Amino acid sequence: SVIDQIPGVDKQAAMDNFPAMRVALQAGTIDAYVSELPEAISAQAANSDFVMVKLTDGFKASPEDTQTAVGVKKDSPLTKEINEALKTISSEERQQIMQDAIKNQPAAE
C-alpha cells in the first residue's frame, strides 16, 4: 500500500470511515491519513486546518487502488451496458465529472 511506502510511517489500525479519520486528525490522535482524491479535496475544503498532500514522486499504486468503480449486483445484466457507457467517457470528462461531484457532496464532518 501507499502507506507502507512512506518513510518512517507509524501505521495505525484502520478506522471505520473517513469522518472518523477526520475527527482523529483534528484531535491529534493521528498525524495524517491516506485517502482517494475526492475525500482529500472535500476534507481540505471542509476544514481549514487540513491540507492535502499528493504522494507522487516514487510512490506506486496498483490500478485497482486508483480507479473509480460502479457497484452492481454480481452477474447483473447491467454490467455490460454500464461498461459500454463508461468506455464512451473521455479521461478529461471523467475528471470534470469527479470535480463536479466533489463540489456537490456534503462535507460529512
Protein backbone atom coordinates (compact mmCIF):
# COMPACT_ATOMS: atom_id res chain seq x y z
CA SER A 1 0.00 0.00 0.00
CA VAL A 2 0.99 3.64 -0.32
CA ILE A 3 1.12 3.91 3.48
CA ASP A 4 3.89 1.33 3.63
CA GLN A 5 5.92 3.41 1.15
CA ILE A 6 6.06 6.48 3.43
CA PRO A 7 9.48 6.64 5.12
CA GLY A 8 9.26 6.37 8.92
CA VAL A 9 5.49 5.90 8.95
CA ASP A 10 3.86 4.77 12.21
CA LYS A 11 0.99 2.82 10.66
CA GLN A 12 -2.14 2.71 12.80
CA ALA A 13 -5.12 0.36 12.76
CA ALA A 14 -7.64 1.14 10.04
CA MET A 15 -10.61 3.27 11.06
CA ASP A 16 -14.22 2.64 10.06
CA ASN A 17 -14.71 5.61 7.76
CA PHE A 18 -13.40 8.98 6.62
CA PRO A 19 -15.43 11.03 9.14
CA ALA A 20 -13.73 9.04 11.93
CA MET A 21 -10.35 9.79 10.36
CA ARG A 22 -11.18 13.50 10.14
CA VAL A 23 -12.10 13.57 13.83
CA ALA A 24 -8.90 11.71 14.76
CA LEU A 25 -6.82 14.10 12.66
CA GLN A 26 -8.47 17.17 14.18
CA ALA A 27 -7.97 15.75 17.70
CA GLY A 28 -4.30 14.98 17.06
CA THR A 29 -4.80 11.24 17.52
CA ILE A 30 -3.25 10.73 14.08
CA ASP A 31 -0.90 12.96 12.10
CA ALA A 32 -2.36 12.15 8.68
CA TYR A 33 -4.43 9.67 6.73
CA VAL A 34 -4.34 8.37 3.17
CA SER A 35 -7.45 8.64 1.01
CA GLU A 36 -8.54 8.99 -2.56
CA LEU A 37 -8.51 12.43 -4.17
CA PRO A 38 -12.22 13.29 -3.70
CA GLU A 39 -12.03 12.72 0.06
CA ALA A 40 -8.81 14.74 0.32
CA ILE A 41 -10.28 17.69 -1.56
CA SER A 42 -13.51 17.51 0.45
CA ALA A 43 -11.70 17.31 3.81
CA GLN A 44 -9.47 20.25 2.95
CA ALA A 45 -12.47 22.31 1.83
CA ALA A 46 -14.41 21.45 5.00
CA ASN A 47 -11.61 22.20 7.47
CA SER A 48 -9.06 24.97 7.05
CA ASP A 49 -6.70 23.14 9.45
CA PHE A 50 -6.33 20.29 6.93
CA VAL A 51 -4.05 20.30 3.91
CA MET A 52 -3.91 17.76 1.11
CA VAL A 53 -0.51 16.37 0.15
CA LYS A 54 -0.28 14.46 -3.13
CA LEU A 55 2.01 11.46 -2.91
CA THR A 56 3.69 11.42 -6.31
CA ASP A 57 7.47 11.09 -6.60
CA GLY A 58 8.48 7.48 -6.09
CA PHE A 59 5.09 6.27 -4.84
CA LYS A 60 3.47 3.38 -6.67
CA ALA A 61 -0.14 2.22 -6.57
CA SER A 62 -1.89 -0.57 -8.44
CA PRO A 63 -4.59 0.30 -10.99
CA GLU A 64 -7.14 -1.32 -8.66
CA ASP A 65 -6.26 1.25 -5.99
CA THR A 66 -6.60 4.26 -8.27
CA GLN A 67 -9.64 3.53 -10.41
CA THR A 68 -13.24 4.58 -9.93
CA ALA A 69 -15.81 1.81 -9.94
CA VAL A 70 -19.54 1.29 -10.26
CA GLY A 71 -21.07 -1.30 -7.94
CA VAL A 72 -23.75 -3.64 -9.23
CA LYS A 73 -25.10 -6.99 -8.07
CA LYS A 74 -22.94 -9.97 -9.11
CA ASP A 75 -23.84 -11.26 -12.58
CA SER A 76 -26.11 -8.26 -13.18
CA PRO A 77 -27.23 -7.83 -16.78
CA LEU A 78 -26.45 -4.12 -16.35
CA THR A 79 -22.69 -4.76 -16.08
CA LYS A 80 -22.14 -4.93 -19.84
CA GLU A 81 -24.28 -1.84 -20.51
CA ILE A 82 -22.53 0.16 -17.79
CA ASN A 83 -19.08 -0.84 -19.05
CA GLU A 84 -20.03 0.14 -22.61
CA ALA A 85 -21.31 3.52 -21.41
CA LEU A 86 -18.16 4.14 -19.36
CA LYS A 87 -15.98 3.45 -22.41
CA THR A 88 -17.54 6.47 -24.14
CA ILE A 89 -16.42 8.92 -21.43
CA SER A 90 -13.02 10.50 -22.05
CA SER A 91 -10.43 10.85 -19.31
CA GLU A 92 -10.91 14.63 -19.33
CA GLU A 93 -14.68 14.27 -18.98
CA ARG A 94 -14.22 11.77 -16.11
CA GLN A 95 -12.03 14.29 -14.30
CA GLN A 96 -14.63 17.02 -14.79
CA ILE A 97 -17.43 14.75 -13.54
CA MET A 98 -15.32 13.91 -10.47
CA GLN A 99 -14.62 17.59 -9.76
CA ASP A 100 -18.33 18.42 -10.08
CA ALA A 101 -19.24 15.55 -7.74
CA ILE A 102 -16.70 16.72 -5.17
CA LYS A 103 -18.13 20.25 -5.24
CA ASN A 104 -21.67 18.92 -4.73
CA GLN A 105 -21.05 16.41 -1.94
CA PRO A 106 -21.73 17.25 1.70
CA ALA A 107 -18.68 17.90 3.86
CA ALA A 108 -19.56 14.95 6.14
CA GLU A 109 -17.61 16.24 9.13
